[in-house]
């Protein structure tokens, strides 16, 4: 189940990158800031998810997974895609 959530998050991140190309940063500094924000978000939601997953209510757990964890995973994948694309663009200019 966890693998499928990760694959789904990656697919949605790819879709967002293809569907909305103007969202991608055009400078490496902006991409690094997005990566830092994604890492900070990952660390910040950890304690919140622990509290949500400790609940006995299935609805609370589902809200934690799909309302908190899933969007943050999508954002992490999206920032990775943006950073890789910018790095490829920068390396391509030096390899020519």
Protein backbone atom coordinates (compact mmCIF):
# COMPACT_ATOMS: atom_id res chain seq x y z
CA UNK A 1 0.00 0.00 0.00
CA UNK A 2 2.82 2.42 0.84
CA UNK A 3 4.48 1.68 -2.49
CA UNK A 4 1.28 2.53 -4.35
CA UNK A 5 0.96 5.84 -2.48
CA UNK A 6 4.53 6.70 -3.47
CA UNK A 7 3.95 5.74 -7.10
CA UNK A 8 0.74 7.77 -7.16
CA UNK A 9 2.46 10.78 -5.64
CA UNK A 10 5.23 10.54 -8.22
CA UNK A 11 2.72 10.27 -11.06
CA UNK A 12 0.83 13.32 -9.84
CA UNK A 13 4.10 15.26 -9.48
CA UNK A 14 5.01 14.38 -13.07
CA UNK A 15 1.55 15.39 -14.23
CA UNK A 16 1.82 18.74 -12.45
CA UNK A 17 5.22 19.35 -14.05
CA UNK A 18 3.92 18.57 -17.54
CA UNK A 19 0.54 20.27 -17.16
CA UNK A 20 1.77 23.44 -15.44
CA UNK A 21 5.31 24.14 -16.70
CA UNK A 22 5.15 27.78 -15.56
CA UNK A 23 5.20 26.64 -11.92
CA UNK A 24 8.76 25.37 -12.31
CA UNK A 25 11.48 27.72 -11.09
CA UNK A 26 13.77 29.13 -13.76
CA UNK A 27 16.79 29.71 -11.52
CA UNK A 28 18.80 27.22 -9.51
CA UNK A 29 18.50 29.32 -6.34
CA UNK A 30 14.72 29.15 -6.46
CA UNK A 31 14.90 25.40 -6.99
CA UNK A 32 17.21 25.02 -4.00
CA UNK A 33 14.76 27.05 -1.90
CA UNK A 34 11.93 24.74 -2.99
CA UNK A 35 14.02 21.71 -2.02
CA UNK A 36 14.76 23.27 1.37
CA UNK A 37 11.07 24.01 1.86
CA UNK A 38 10.17 20.42 0.95
CA UNK A 39 12.70 19.08 3.45
CA UNK A 40 11.46 21.44 6.15
CA UNK A 41 7.88 20.39 5.42
CA UNK A 42 8.88 16.74 5.73
CA UNK A 43 10.45 17.32 9.12
CA UNK A 44 7.60 19.52 10.32
CA UNK A 45 4.77 17.11 9.55
CA UNK A 46 6.45 14.17 11.27
CA UNK A 47 5.16 14.88 14.79
CA UNK A 48 1.72 15.79 13.45
CA UNK A 49 1.49 12.52 11.58
CA UNK A 50 2.56 10.56 14.65
CA UNK A 51 -0.36 12.06 16.57
CA UNK A 52 -2.79 11.40 13.74
CA UNK A 53 -1.65 7.81 13.25
CA UNK A 54 -1.98 7.13 16.97
CA UNK A 55 -5.71 7.79 16.74
CA UNK A 56 -8.04 4.81 16.75
CA UNK A 57 -10.40 6.43 14.26
CA UNK A 58 -9.87 5.30 10.66
CA UNK A 59 -11.18 8.60 9.28
CA UNK A 60 -8.53 10.55 11.18
CA UNK A 61 -5.81 8.25 9.87
CA UNK A 62 -7.07 8.63 6.28
CA UNK A 63 -7.15 12.41 6.65
CA UNK A 64 -3.57 12.23 7.92
CA UNK A 65 -2.44 10.12 4.99
CA UNK A 66 -4.27 11.84 2.14
CA UNK A 67 -4.64 15.33 3.59
CA UNK A 68 -1.19 15.82 5.09
CA UNK A 69 1.32 13.16 4.04
CA UNK A 70 0.31 12.67 0.40
CA UNK A 71 0.47 16.36 -0.62
CA UNK A 72 3.85 16.75 1.06
CA UNK A 73 5.20 13.69 -0.78
CA UNK A 74 3.89 15.11 -4.06
CA UNK A 75 5.66 18.40 -3.31
CA UNK A 76 8.91 16.56 -2.51
CA UNK A 77 8.75 14.69 -5.81
CA UNK A 78 7.86 17.86 -7.69
CA UNK A 79 10.80 19.80 -6.28
CA UNK A 80 13.09 16.89 -7.14
CA UNK A 81 11.82 16.94 -10.74
CA UNK A 82 12.37 20.69 -10.97
CA UNK A 83 15.87 20.44 -9.52
CA UNK A 84 16.86 17.59 -11.86
CA UNK A 85 15.57 19.49 -14.90
CA UNK A 86 17.50 22.62 -13.94
CA UNK A 87 20.65 20.61 -13.25
CA UNK A 88 20.35 18.89 -16.64
CA UNK A 89 19.88 22.24 -18.33
CA UNK A 90 22.94 23.66 -16.58
CA UNK A 91 25.09 20.62 -17.37
CA UNK A 92 23.92 20.56 -20.97
CA UNK A 93 25.25 24.06 -21.52
CA UNK A 94 28.70 23.02 -20.27
CA UNK A 95 28.86 19.80 -22.26
CA UNK A 96 28.37 21.48 -25.64
